[in-house]
Each structure stands twice: as structure tokens, then as C-alpha cells.
Amino acid sequence: MNTILVALQIISALALIGIVMSQATKSEGLTGTIGGKTESAFQGKPGLDDHLQEITKWAAISFMVVSFIVAFIIK
């Protein structure tokens, strides 16, 4: 059981690293905060960045859950 959980933790960590590295950086500097983009609620279909953010969120949640389970089981 311990081996399976540790393997899941490693797989979820590698997946999270890969997903985060595949996202585009948002290095706008002060242009995005001062006069920058205005986002509308009616932009249409979500793009690749939106999907990657959603996948990143769920990958991070799964990594945290698996890590907590491993920490409590393996003492």
C-alpha cells in the first residue's frame, strides 16, 4: 500500500511540474496592473490557457491530497 501511494505521489508531482512548465508566463510587469487588460465575461469559449489553469488546479489538489494521505499513513 505504501509503495502504491508513494508512486501516486511521484506521478502527481511530475504531472504538476509538467503542466506548470507548459503554461505561458504572464510577465506583463506593471502594464497589466495599471492600464492593462480588461476582461469581459462574454469572451466566448475558454482557450488553452483557461484549460491549463483548470488542469493545474486539479493536479495541485490531487497532489496535496495524496501527500496528506502518505504523511498520515507512513509514520
PDB file of N, CA and C in Angstrom:
ATOM      1  N   MET A   1       0.826  -1.205   0.000  1.00  0.00           N
ATOM      2  CA  MET A   1       0.000   0.000   0.000  1.00  0.00           C
ATOM      3  C   MET A   1       0.863   1.259   0.000  1.00  0.00           C
ATOM      4  N   ASN A   2       1.937   1.212   0.825  1.00  0.00           N
ATOM      5  CA  ASN A   2       2.821   2.379   0.888  1.00  0.00           C
ATOM      6  C   ASN A   2       3.470   2.652  -0.459  1.00  0.00           C
ATOM      7  N   THR A   3       3.875   1.603  -1.155  1.00  0.00           N
ATOM      8  CA  THR A   3       4.531   1.761  -2.441  1.00  0.00           C
ATOM      9  C   THR A   3       3.585   2.375  -3.464  1.00  0.00           C
ATOM     10  N   ILE A   4       2.341   1.952  -3.436  1.00  0.00           N
ATOM     11  CA  ILE A   4       1.348   2.490  -4.372  1.00  0.00           C
ATOM     12  C   ILE A   4       1.109   3.981  -4.109  1.00  0.00           C
ATOM     13  N   LEU A   5       0.998   4.349  -2.842  1.00  0.00           N
ATOM     14  CA  LEU A   5       0.761   5.752  -2.508  1.00  0.00           C
ATOM     15  C   LEU A   5       1.953   6.633  -2.865  1.00  0.00           C
ATOM     16  N   VAL A   6       3.155   6.140  -2.607  1.00  0.00           N
ATOM     17  CA  VAL A   6       4.340   6.921  -2.954  1.00  0.00           C
ATOM     18  C   VAL A   6       4.456   7.053  -4.476  1.00  0.00           C
ATOM     19  N   ALA A   7       4.137   5.986  -5.202  1.00  0.00           N
ATOM     20  CA  ALA A   7       4.160   6.056  -6.669  1.00  0.00           C
ATOM     21  C   ALA A   7       3.128   7.061  -7.175  1.00  0.00           C
ATOM     22  N   LEU A   8       1.935   7.084  -6.580  1.00  0.00           N
ATOM     23  CA  LEU A   8       0.918   8.075  -6.958  1.00  0.00           C
ATOM     24  C   LEU A   8       1.389   9.491  -6.658  1.00  0.00           C
ATOM     25  N   GLN A   9       2.085   9.646  -5.546  1.00  0.00           N
ATOM     26  CA  GLN A   9       2.594  10.963  -5.191  1.00  0.00           C
ATOM     27  C   GLN A   9       3.646  11.426  -6.197  1.00  0.00           C
ATOM     28  N   ILE A  10       4.525  10.541  -6.591  1.00  0.00           N
ATOM     29  CA  ILE A  10       5.560  10.894  -7.558  1.00  0.00           C
ATOM     30  C   ILE A  10       4.939  11.216  -8.915  1.00  0.00           C
ATOM     31  N   ILE A  11       3.979  10.406  -9.340  1.00  0.00           N
ATOM     32  CA  ILE A  11       3.310  10.647 -10.628  1.00  0.00           C
ATOM     33  C   ILE A  11       2.565  11.977 -10.613  1.00  0.00           C
ATOM     34  N   SER A  12       1.854  12.260  -9.519  1.00  0.00           N
ATOM     35  CA  SER A  12       1.116  13.526  -9.460  1.00  0.00           C
ATOM     36  C   SER A  12       2.061  14.716  -9.382  1.00  0.00           C
ATOM     37  N   ALA A  13       3.213  14.565  -8.727  1.00  0.00           N
ATOM     38  CA  ALA A  13       4.196  15.652  -8.674  1.00  0.00           C
ATOM     39  C   ALA A  13       4.785  15.922 -10.051  1.00  0.00           C
ATOM     40  N   LEU A  14       5.138  14.853 -10.770  1.00  0.00           N
ATOM     41  CA  LEU A  14       5.687  15.030 -12.112  1.00  0.00           C
ATOM     42  C   LEU A  14       4.655  15.633 -13.067  1.00  0.00           C
ATOM     43  N   ALA A  15       3.396  15.219 -12.933  1.00  0.00           N
ATOM     44  CA  ALA A  15       2.337  15.780 -13.767  1.00  0.00           C
ATOM     45  C   ALA A  15       2.153  17.267 -13.471  1.00  0.00           C
ATOM     46  N   LEU A  16       2.177  17.617 -12.202  1.00  0.00           N
ATOM     47  CA  LEU A  16       2.021  19.024 -11.820  1.00  0.00           C
ATOM     48  C   LEU A  16       3.179  19.858 -12.350  1.00  0.00           C
ATOM     49  N   ILE A  17       4.393  19.349 -12.264  1.00  0.00           N
ATOM     50  CA  ILE A  17       5.554  20.063 -12.789  1.00  0.00           C
ATOM     51  C   ILE A  17       5.425  20.261 -14.297  1.00  0.00           C
ATOM     52  N   GLY A  18       5.031  19.212 -14.999  1.00  0.00           N
ATOM     53  CA  GLY A  18       4.890  19.302 -16.443  1.00  0.00           C
ATOM     54  C   GLY A  18       3.816  20.277 -16.874  1.00  0.00           C
ATOM     55  N   ILE A  19       2.703  20.277 -16.167  1.00  0.00           N
ATOM     56  CA  ILE A  19       1.602  21.182 -16.507  1.00  0.00           C
ATOM     57  C   ILE A  19       1.992  22.634 -16.250  1.00  0.00           C
ATOM     58  N   VAL A  20       2.648  22.885 -15.123  1.00  0.00           N
ATOM     59  CA  VAL A  20       3.049  24.257 -14.799  1.00  0.00           C
ATOM     60  C   VAL A  20       4.093  24.760 -15.794  1.00  0.00           C
ATOM     61  N   MET A  21       5.000  23.887 -16.195  1.00  0.00           N
ATOM     62  CA  MET A  21       6.029  24.306 -17.153  1.00  0.00           C
ATOM     63  C   MET A  21       5.469  24.546 -18.548  1.00  0.00           C
ATOM     64  N   SER A  22       4.336  23.934 -18.872  1.00  0.00           N
ATOM     65  CA  SER A  22       3.766  24.117 -20.201  1.00  0.00           C
ATOM     66  C   SER A  22       2.924  25.382 -20.319  1.00  0.00           C
ATOM     67  N   GLN A  23       2.652  26.039 -19.210  1.00  0.00           N
ATOM     68  CA  GLN A  23       1.853  27.261 -19.263  1.00  0.00           C
ATOM     69  C   GLN A  23       2.706  28.439 -19.701  1.00  0.00           C
ATOM     70  N   ALA A  24       2.061  29.372 -20.362  1.00  0.00           N
ATOM     71  CA  ALA A  24       2.742  30.589 -20.791  1.00  0.00           C
ATOM     72  C   ALA A  24       2.926  31.515 -19.592  1.00  0.00           C
ATOM     73  N   THR A  25       4.036  32.219 -19.574  1.00  0.00           N
ATOM     74  CA  THR A  25       4.265  33.156 -18.475  1.00  0.00           C
ATOM     75  C   THR A  25       3.450  34.419 -18.700  1.00  0.00           C
ATOM     76  N   LYS A  26       3.128  35.061 -17.624  1.00  0.00           N
ATOM     77  CA  LYS A  26       2.361  36.305 -17.710  1.00  0.00           C
ATOM     78  C   LYS A  26       3.208  37.434 -17.153  1.00  0.00           C
ATOM     79  N   SER A  27       4.312  37.693 -17.820  1.00  0.00           N
ATOM     80  CA  SER A  27       5.244  38.725 -17.365  1.00  0.00           C
ATOM     81  C   SER A  27       4.908  40.048 -18.030  1.00  0.00           C
ATOM     82  N   GLU A  28       3.808  40.594 -17.630  1.00  0.00           N
ATOM     83  CA  GLU A  28       3.376  41.869 -18.194  1.00  0.00           C
ATOM     84  C   GLU A  28       3.983  43.045 -17.443  1.00  0.00           C
ATOM     85  N   GLY A  29       4.501  42.806 -16.279  1.00  0.00           N
ATOM     86  CA  GLY A  29       5.019  43.904 -15.472  1.00  0.00           C
ATOM     87  C   GLY A  29       3.888  44.774 -14.960  1.00  0.00           C
ATOM     88  N   LEU A  30       4.101  46.065 -14.967  1.00  0.00           N
ATOM     89  CA  LEU A  30       3.079  46.989 -14.482  1.00  0.00           C
ATOM     90  C   LEU A  30       2.017  47.307 -15.519  1.00  0.00           C
ATOM     91  N   THR A  31       2.228  46.922 -16.756  1.00  0.00           N
ATOM     92  CA  THR A  31       1.234  47.253 -17.779  1.00  0.00           C
ATOM     93  C   THR A  31      -0.083  46.541 -17.528  1.00  0.00           C
ATOM     94  N   GLY A  32      -0.034  45.354 -16.942  1.00  0.00           N
ATOM     95  CA  GLY A  32      -1.261  44.632 -16.677  1.00  0.00           C
ATOM     96  C   GLY A  32      -2.011  45.157 -15.474  1.00  0.00           C
ATOM     97  N   THR A  33      -1.292  45.804 -14.545  1.00  0.00           N
ATOM     98  CA  THR A  33      -1.955  46.262 -13.337  1.00  0.00           C
ATOM     99  C   THR A  33      -2.444  47.701 -13.450  1.00  0.00           C
ATOM    100  N   ILE A  34      -1.726  48.538 -14.159  1.00  0.00           N
ATOM    101  CA  ILE A  34      -2.096  49.948 -14.205  1.00  0.00           C
ATOM    102  C   ILE A  34      -3.109  50.224 -15.309  1.00  0.00           C
ATOM    103  N   GLY A  35      -2.739  49.983 -16.539  1.00  0.00           N
ATOM    104  CA  GLY A  35      -3.647  50.345 -17.614  1.00  0.00           C
ATOM    105  C   GLY A  35      -4.073  49.144 -18.417  1.00  0.00           C
ATOM    106  N   GLY A  36      -3.783  47.997 -17.909  1.00  0.00           N
ATOM    107  CA  GLY A  36      -3.787  46.764 -18.676  1.00  0.00           C
ATOM    108  C   GLY A  36      -5.095  46.238 -19.191  1.00  0.00           C
ATOM    109  N   LYS A  37      -5.138  44.952 -19.287  1.00  0.00           N
ATOM    110  CA  LYS A  37      -6.259  44.267 -19.935  1.00  0.00           C
ATOM    111  C   LYS A  37      -7.554  44.429 -19.157  1.00  0.00           C
ATOM    112  N   THR A  38      -8.600  44.494 -19.914  1.00  0.00           N
ATOM    113  CA  THR A  38      -9.915  44.408 -19.311  1.00  0.00           C
ATOM    114  C   THR A  38     -10.516  43.102 -19.780  1.00  0.00           C
ATOM    115  N   GLU A  39     -10.952  42.307 -18.839  1.00  0.00           N
ATOM    116  CA  GLU A  39     -11.504  41.020 -19.209  1.00  0.00           C
ATOM    117  C   GLU A  39     -13.022  41.080 -19.169  1.00  0.00           C
ATOM    118  N   SER A  40     -13.606  40.580 -20.185  1.00  0.00           N
ATOM    119  CA  SER A  40     -15.054  40.592 -20.301  1.00  0.00           C
ATOM    120  C   SER A  40     -15.608  39.229 -19.945  1.00  0.00           C
ATOM    121  N   ALA A  41     -16.796  39.215 -19.442  1.00  0.00           N
ATOM    122  CA  ALA A  41     -17.444  37.940 -19.120  1.00  0.00           C
ATOM    123  C   ALA A  41     -17.989  37.267 -20.371  1.00  0.00           C
ATOM    124  N   PHE A  42     -18.009  37.979 -21.467  1.00  0.00           N
ATOM    125  CA  PHE A  42     -18.577  37.445 -22.702  1.00  0.00           C
ATOM    126  C   PHE A  42     -17.505  37.246 -23.766  1.00  0.00           C
ATOM    127  N   GLN A  43     -16.420  36.585 -23.407  1.00  0.00           N
ATOM    128  CA  GLN A  43     -15.324  36.385 -24.346  1.00  0.00           C
ATOM    129  C   GLN A  43     -15.535  35.183 -25.247  1.00  0.00           C
ATOM    130  N   GLY A  44     -16.459  34.354 -24.953  1.00  0.00           N
ATOM    131  CA  GLY A  44     -16.676  33.174 -25.782  1.00  0.00           C
ATOM    132  C   GLY A  44     -16.102  31.931 -25.125  1.00  0.00           C
ATOM    133  N   LYS A  45     -15.645  30.997 -25.940  1.00  0.00           N
ATOM    134  CA  LYS A  45     -15.110  29.741 -25.437  1.00  0.00           C
ATOM    135  C   LYS A  45     -13.790  29.971 -24.701  1.00  0.00           C
ATOM    136  N   PRO A  46     -13.584  29.179 -23.651  1.00  0.00           N
ATOM    137  CA  PRO A  46     -12.299  29.304 -22.955  1.00  0.00           C
ATOM    138  C   PRO A  46     -11.169  28.758 -23.821  1.00  0.00           C
ATOM    139  N   GLY A  47     -10.021  29.381 -23.746  1.00  0.00           N
ATOM    140  CA  GLY A  47      -8.876  28.989 -24.556  1.00  0.00           C
ATOM    141  C   GLY A  47      -8.015  27.953 -23.865  1.00  0.00           C
ATOM    142  N   LEU A  48      -6.861  27.703 -24.431  1.00  0.00           N
ATOM    143  CA  LEU A  48      -5.935  26.714 -23.904  1.00  0.00           C
ATOM    144  C   LEU A  48      -5.426  27.111 -22.527  1.00  0.00           C
ATOM    145  N   ASP A  49      -5.174  28.400 -22.326  1.00  0.00           N
ATOM    146  CA  ASP A  49      -4.691  28.862 -21.025  1.00  0.00           C
ATOM    147  C   ASP A  49      -5.707  28.592 -19.924  1.00  0.00           C
ATOM    148  N   ASP A  50      -6.973  28.788 -20.230  1.00  0.00           N
ATOM    149  CA  ASP A  50      -8.014  28.527 -19.238  1.00  0.00           C
ATOM    150  C   ASP A  50      -8.088  27.048 -18.892  1.00  0.00           C
ATOM    151  N   HIS A  51      -7.955  26.200 -19.896  1.00  0.00           N
ATOM    152  CA  HIS A  51      -7.970  24.758 -19.645  1.00  0.00           C
ATOM    153  C   HIS A  51      -6.753  24.325 -18.835  1.00  0.00           C
ATOM    154  N   LEU A  52      -5.597  24.892 -19.154  1.00  0.00           N
ATOM    155  CA  LEU A  52      -4.390  24.546 -18.402  1.00  0.00           C
ATOM    156  C   LEU A  52      -4.485  25.010 -16.950  1.00  0.00           C
ATOM    157  N   GLN A  53      -5.112  26.145 -16.711  1.00  0.00           N
ATOM    158  CA  GLN A  53      -5.295  26.608 -15.335  1.00  0.00           C
ATOM    159  C   GLN A  53      -6.202  25.660 -14.558  1.00  0.00           C
ATOM    160  N   GLU A  54      -7.249  25.184 -15.200  1.00  0.00           N
ATOM    161  CA  GLU A  54      -8.169  24.247 -14.547  1.00  0.00           C
ATOM    162  C   GLU A  54      -7.469  22.917 -14.255  1.00  0.00           C
ATOM    163  N   ILE A  55      -6.704  22.427 -15.224  1.00  0.00           N
ATOM    164  CA  ILE A  55      -5.969  21.170 -15.025  1.00  0.00           C
ATOM    165  C   ILE A  55      -4.929  21.336 -13.928  1.00  0.00           C
ATOM    166  N   THR A  56      -4.270  22.489 -13.888  1.00  0.00           N
ATOM    167  CA  THR A  56      -3.274  22.759 -12.856  1.00  0.00           C
ATOM    168  C   THR A  56      -3.916  22.756 -11.472  1.00  0.00           C
ATOM    169  N   LYS A  57      -5.086  23.364 -11.377  1.00  0.00           N
ATOM    170  CA  LYS A  57      -5.783  23.406 -10.092  1.00  0.00           C
ATOM    171  C   LYS A  57      -6.082  22.007  -9.587  1.00  0.00           C
ATOM    172  N   TRP A  58      -6.609  21.147 -10.456  1.00  0.00           N
ATOM    173  CA  TRP A  58      -6.966  19.798 -10.030  1.00  0.00           C
ATOM    174  C   TRP A  58      -5.731  18.924  -9.802  1.00  0.00           C
ATOM    175  N   ALA A  59      -4.677  19.153 -10.548  1.00  0.00           N
ATOM    176  CA  ALA A  59      -3.434  18.409 -10.318  1.00  0.00           C
ATOM    177  C   ALA A  59      -2.824  18.791  -8.970  1.00  0.00           C
ATOM    178  N   ALA A  60      -2.879  20.064  -8.616  1.00  0.00           N
ATOM    179  CA  ALA A  60      -2.359  20.509  -7.326  1.00  0.00           C
ATOM    180  C   ALA A  60      -3.189  19.953  -6.176  1.00  0.00           C
ATOM    181  N   ILE A  61      -4.497  19.932  -6.342  1.00  0.00           N
ATOM    182  CA  ILE A  61      -5.367  19.376  -5.298  1.00  0.00           C
ATOM    183  C   ILE A  61      -5.094  17.890  -5.117  1.00  0.00           C
ATOM    184  N   SER A  62      -4.955  17.158  -6.220  1.00  0.00           N
ATOM    185  CA  SER A  62      -4.686  15.717  -6.099  1.00  0.00           C
ATOM    186  C   SER A  62      -3.320  15.469  -5.471  1.00  0.00           C
ATOM    187  N   PHE A  63      -2.309  16.283  -5.801  1.00  0.00           N
ATOM    188  CA  PHE A  63      -1.002  16.130  -5.191  1.00  0.00           C
ATOM    189  C   PHE A  63      -1.067  16.382  -3.685  1.00  0.00           C
ATOM    190  N   MET A  64      -1.796  17.415  -3.282  1.00  0.00           N
ATOM    191  CA  MET A  64      -1.905  17.715  -1.854  1.00  0.00           C
ATOM    192  C   MET A  64      -2.628  16.616  -1.104  1.00  0.00           C
ATOM    193  N   VAL A  65      -3.708  16.095  -1.679  1.00  0.00           N
ATOM    194  CA  VAL A  65      -4.473  15.030  -1.013  1.00  0.00           C
ATOM    195  C   VAL A  65      -3.617  13.775  -0.868  1.00  0.00           C
ATOM    196  N   VAL A  66      -2.936  13.386  -1.938  1.00  0.00           N
ATOM    197  CA  VAL A  66      -2.083  12.199  -1.876  1.00  0.00           C
ATOM    198  C   VAL A  66      -0.945  12.414  -0.881  1.00  0.00           C
ATOM    199  N   SER A  67      -0.387  13.608  -0.833  1.00  0.00           N
ATOM    200  CA  SER A  67       0.703  13.903   0.104  1.00  0.00           C
ATOM    201  C   SER A  67       0.223  13.818   1.545  1.00  0.00           C
ATOM    202  N   PHE A  68      -0.976  14.334   1.824  1.00  0.00           N
ATOM    203  CA  PHE A  68      -1.515  14.229   3.185  1.00  0.00           C
ATOM    204  C   PHE A  68      -1.762  12.767   3.557  1.00  0.00           C
ATOM    205  N   ILE A  69      -2.270  11.996   2.651  1.00  0.00           N
ATOM    206  CA  ILE A  69      -2.527  10.576   2.932  1.00  0.00           C
ATOM    207  C   ILE A  69      -1.214   9.848   3.184  1.00  0.00           C
ATOM    208  N   VAL A  70      -0.202  10.122   2.362  1.00  0.00           N
ATOM    209  CA  VAL A  70       1.112   9.487   2.562  1.00  0.00           C
ATOM    210  C   VAL A  70       1.702   9.900   3.894  1.00  0.00           C
ATOM    211  N   ALA A  71       1.562  11.169   4.264  1.00  0.00           N
ATOM    212  CA  ALA A  71       2.132  11.643   5.540  1.00  0.00           C
ATOM    213  C   ALA A  71       1.466  10.986   6.735  1.00  0.00           C
ATOM    214  N   PHE A  72       0.166  10.717   6.666  1.00  0.00           N
ATOM    215  CA  PHE A  72      -0.518  10.108   7.796  1.00  0.00           C
ATOM    216  C   PHE A  72      -0.345   8.603   7.852  1.00  0.00           C
ATOM    217  N   ILE A  73      -0.205   7.963   6.704  1.00  0.00           N
ATOM    218  CA  ILE A  73      -0.084   6.504   6.695  1.00  0.00           C
ATOM    219  C   ILE A  73       1.350   6.069   6.992  1.00  0.00           C
ATOM    220  N   ILE A  74       2.314   6.750   6.384  1.00  0.00           N
ATOM    221  CA  ILE A  74       3.715   6.387   6.592  1.00  0.00           C
ATOM    222  C   ILE A  74       4.260   7.252   7.734  1.00  0.00           C
ATOM    223  N   LYS A  75       4.323   6.685   8.910  1.00  0.00           N
ATOM    224  CA  LYS A  75       4.865   7.405  10.073  1.00  0.00           C
ATOM    225  C   LYS A  75       6.049   6.678  10.627  1.00  0.00           C
TER     226      LYS A  75
END
